[in-house]
Amino acid sequence: MREPEKRLARGPAAAAILAGAVASATLGILTVIAARLPQADHLLNWYPPAGSLSGRTLATTLIWLASWWLLHRRWRERDVPLGRIALWAGWLLALGLLLTFPPIYQWLAG
């Protein structure tokens, strides 16, 4: 008699997908904040030749790593609903893309 196959938990994959989407939205939000507030733009200027882009991308990378680590720890043994995760990821990716589009973030910055 054959043993039933073990199903892999979908949690780690869902964690990676959602963490990437969170990072996308984070970059968009930081772009709008840097465009709106000169103090934030100055604070995010970690490497002068690149301007505030250096701080925005490094902060986004740190948020991505932290969210991936936290979500993976929470979901590593769970079988989470990938459909719901994909929906949230799609919205967050769309938000991140829109907020990094110059006409949008310049309009929001006023």
Protein backbone atom coordinates (compact mmCIF):
# COMPACT_ATOMS: atom_id res chain seq x y z
CA MET A 1 0.00 0.00 0.00
CA ARG A 2 1.27 3.40 -0.97
CA GLU A 3 1.73 6.15 1.59
CA PRO A 4 -0.18 9.37 0.91
CA GLU A 5 2.00 12.20 -0.34
CA LYS A 6 2.72 15.03 2.04
CA ARG A 7 1.44 18.37 0.86
CA LEU A 8 3.82 21.25 1.17
CA ALA A 9 2.57 24.22 3.12
CA ARG A 10 1.92 27.22 0.92
CA GLY A 11 2.83 29.65 3.68
CA PRO A 12 6.47 30.22 2.68
CA ALA A 13 5.50 31.02 -0.91
CA ALA A 14 2.70 33.31 0.25
CA ALA A 15 5.14 35.07 2.59
CA ALA A 16 7.56 35.74 -0.27
CA ILE A 17 4.80 37.03 -2.57
CA LEU A 18 3.24 39.32 0.03
CA ALA A 19 6.62 40.63 1.25
CA GLY A 20 7.54 41.67 -2.28
CA ALA A 21 4.23 43.49 -2.64
CA VAL A 22 4.69 45.22 0.73
CA ALA A 23 8.10 46.39 -0.47
CA SER A 24 6.59 47.76 -3.69
CA ALA A 25 4.00 49.76 -1.76
CA THR A 26 6.68 50.95 0.67
CA LEU A 27 8.80 52.33 -2.17
CA GLY A 28 5.78 54.15 -3.56
CA ILE A 29 4.84 55.64 -0.21
CA LEU A 30 8.43 56.74 0.49
CA THR A 31 8.58 58.32 -2.98
CA VAL A 32 5.50 60.43 -2.27
CA ILE A 33 6.77 61.37 1.20
CA ALA A 34 10.18 62.40 -0.19
CA ALA A 35 8.51 64.47 -2.92
CA ARG A 36 6.12 66.13 -0.46
CA LEU A 37 8.41 66.85 2.49
CA PRO A 38 11.82 68.42 1.92
CA GLN A 39 12.92 67.23 5.39
CA ALA A 40 12.14 63.62 4.47
CA ASP A 41 13.94 64.01 1.15
CA HIS A 42 16.99 65.28 3.01
CA LEU A 43 16.72 62.52 5.63
CA LEU A 44 16.59 59.84 2.91
CA ASN A 45 19.63 61.25 1.09
CA TRP A 46 22.13 58.63 2.30
CA TYR A 47 24.41 58.84 -0.74
CA PRO A 48 24.48 62.35 -2.26
CA PRO A 49 25.17 61.37 -5.90
CA ALA A 50 21.96 59.29 -5.90
CA GLY A 51 19.90 61.68 -3.78
CA SER A 52 16.98 60.40 -1.73
CA LEU A 53 16.67 57.37 -4.00
CA SER A 54 19.50 55.77 -2.00
CA GLY A 55 17.57 55.98 1.26
CA ARG A 56 14.25 55.03 -0.29
CA THR A 57 15.62 51.86 -1.86
CA LEU A 58 17.63 50.81 1.18
CA ALA A 59 14.69 51.43 3.53
CA THR A 60 12.45 49.49 1.14
CA THR A 61 14.92 46.60 1.09
CA LEU A 62 14.99 46.51 4.89
CA ILE A 63 11.17 46.53 5.03
CA TRP A 64 11.08 43.73 2.45
CA LEU A 65 13.52 41.58 4.44
CA ALA A 66 11.73 42.23 7.74
CA SER A 67 8.27 41.52 6.32
CA TRP A 68 9.46 38.36 4.57
CA TRP A 69 11.14 37.13 7.74
CA LEU A 70 8.08 37.86 9.91
CA LEU A 71 5.55 36.40 7.48
CA HIS A 72 7.68 33.32 6.86
CA ARG A 73 8.02 32.67 10.59
CA ARG A 74 4.28 33.03 11.02
CA TRP A 75 3.21 30.99 7.97
CA ARG A 76 6.01 28.42 7.51
CA GLU A 77 3.84 25.50 8.64
CA ARG A 78 0.49 26.84 7.46
CA ASP A 79 -1.47 26.33 4.31
CA VAL A 80 -2.63 29.89 3.72
CA PRO A 81 -5.16 30.83 1.01
CA LEU A 82 -3.01 31.88 -1.95
CA GLY A 83 -5.94 33.49 -3.72
CA ARG A 84 -6.44 36.04 -0.97
CA ILE A 85 -2.69 36.65 -0.70
CA ALA A 86 -2.44 37.16 -4.48
CA LEU A 87 -5.31 39.66 -4.37
CA TRP A 88 -3.63 41.70 -1.62
CA ALA A 89 -0.30 41.44 -3.42
CA GLY A 90 -1.88 42.69 -6.63
CA TRP A 91 -3.36 45.73 -4.90
CA LEU A 92 -0.10 46.53 -3.11
CA LEU A 93 1.92 46.13 -6.32
CA ALA A 94 -0.49 48.40 -8.19
CA LEU A 95 -0.26 50.99 -5.40
CA GLY A 96 3.53 50.86 -5.46
CA LEU A 97 3.63 51.23 -9.24
CA LEU A 98 1.20 54.15 -9.27
CA LEU A 99 2.97 55.99 -6.47
CA THR A 100 6.34 55.80 -8.24
CA PHE A 101 4.91 57.13 -11.53
CA PRO A 102 6.12 60.77 -11.74
CA PRO A 103 2.81 62.44 -12.70
CA ILE A 104 1.09 60.69 -9.78
CA TYR A 105 3.64 61.36 -7.01
CA GLN A 106 4.23 64.92 -8.22
CA TRP A 107 0.48 65.56 -8.17
CA LEU A 108 0.21 64.07 -4.67
CA ALA A 109 3.19 66.13 -3.50
CA GLY A 110 1.33 69.25 -4.59
